[in-house]
Amino acid sequence: MDELNGRMIACQILITGLIARVANNSPDPLRFLTDFRDEIRAVVKGVNIAGMDNTDRVRQVAQRTVDELFSLMKPPSVD
């Protein structure tokens, strides 16, 4: 389980870096991040989770994970 958690954290870091890189190349990085976050949240909200009794719990954890990923990113500095 620890190996799986480590791999998931590594994936989250990789995805966060990729999103930040694309946002930095965008003319309006903050708007890009906001729009992208909203799209990801909509996907998590609508994805079909099969084979589980409590899909609401899984969905809530997924939503929190998305929120955590985007909370790691700050608006670009003005410097």
Protein backbone atom coordinates (compact mmCIF):
# COMPACT_ATOMS: atom_id res chain seq x y z
CA MET A 1 0.00 0.00 0.00
CA ASP A 2 2.87 2.40 0.77
CA GLU A 3 4.29 1.85 -2.72
CA LEU A 4 0.91 2.61 -4.28
CA ASN A 5 0.55 5.78 -2.19
CA GLY A 6 4.06 6.86 -3.20
CA ARG A 7 3.26 6.33 -6.85
CA MET A 8 0.02 8.26 -6.54
CA ILE A 9 1.82 11.18 -4.91
CA ALA A 10 4.43 11.10 -7.67
CA CYS A 11 1.67 11.19 -10.28
CA GLN A 12 0.01 14.11 -8.53
CA ILE A 13 3.28 16.04 -8.47
CA LEU A 14 3.86 15.29 -12.16
CA ILE A 15 0.37 16.37 -13.14
CA THR A 16 0.63 19.53 -11.04
CA GLY A 17 3.91 20.41 -12.77
CA LEU A 18 2.47 19.79 -16.22
CA ILE A 19 -0.60 21.91 -15.52
CA ALA A 20 1.57 24.71 -14.12
CA ARG A 21 3.83 24.56 -17.19
CA VAL A 22 0.89 24.86 -19.59
CA ALA A 23 -0.62 27.64 -17.48
CA ASN A 24 2.65 29.60 -17.58
CA ASN A 25 2.59 29.46 -21.38
CA SER A 26 -1.00 30.69 -21.43
CA PRO A 27 -1.76 34.38 -22.02
CA ASP A 28 -3.95 34.37 -18.88
CA PRO A 29 -2.55 31.71 -16.50
CA LEU A 30 -5.01 32.29 -13.68
CA ARG A 31 -8.01 31.98 -15.97
CA PHE A 32 -6.53 28.84 -17.54
CA LEU A 33 -6.09 27.25 -14.10
CA THR A 34 -9.60 28.20 -13.03
CA ASP A 35 -11.18 26.84 -16.21
CA PHE A 36 -9.10 23.67 -16.09
CA ARG A 37 -9.96 23.08 -12.43
CA ASP A 38 -13.66 23.48 -13.20
CA GLU A 39 -13.42 21.00 -16.08
CA ILE A 40 -11.63 18.43 -13.93
CA ARG A 41 -14.19 18.84 -11.15
CA ALA A 42 -17.00 18.31 -13.67
CA VAL A 43 -15.34 15.12 -14.91
CA VAL A 44 -14.96 13.80 -11.36
CA LYS A 45 -18.58 14.67 -10.64
CA GLY A 46 -19.85 12.82 -13.71
CA VAL A 47 -17.56 9.80 -13.91
CA ASN A 48 -19.24 6.41 -13.50
CA ILE A 49 -17.84 4.50 -10.52
CA ALA A 50 -18.85 0.85 -10.74
CA GLY A 51 -18.46 -2.00 -8.30
CA MET A 52 -18.61 -0.02 -5.07
CA ASP A 53 -21.33 0.40 -2.48
CA ASN A 54 -20.39 3.92 -1.43
CA THR A 55 -19.50 5.84 -4.59
CA ASP A 56 -20.22 9.19 -2.90
CA ARG A 57 -17.23 8.69 -0.60
CA VAL A 58 -14.94 7.87 -3.52
CA ARG A 59 -16.21 10.91 -5.40
CA GLN A 60 -15.64 13.17 -2.37
CA VAL A 61 -12.07 11.94 -1.99
CA ALA A 62 -11.46 12.52 -5.71
CA GLN A 63 -12.88 16.07 -5.45
CA ARG A 64 -10.66 16.81 -2.45
CA THR A 65 -7.64 15.51 -4.35
CA VAL A 66 -8.41 17.82 -7.27
CA ASP A 67 -8.79 20.75 -4.87
CA GLU A 68 -5.47 19.89 -3.20
CA LEU A 69 -3.68 19.74 -6.55
CA PHE A 70 -4.92 23.16 -7.55
CA SER A 71 -4.33 24.67 -4.12
CA LEU A 72 -0.63 23.91 -4.58
CA MET A 73 -0.50 26.35 -7.49
CA LYS A 74 -0.26 30.04 -6.78
CA PRO A 75 -0.97 32.87 -9.19
CA PRO A 76 2.20 33.93 -11.02
CA SER A 77 4.27 36.60 -9.33
CA VAL A 78 4.18 40.14 -10.65
CA ASP A 79 8.02 40.37 -10.73
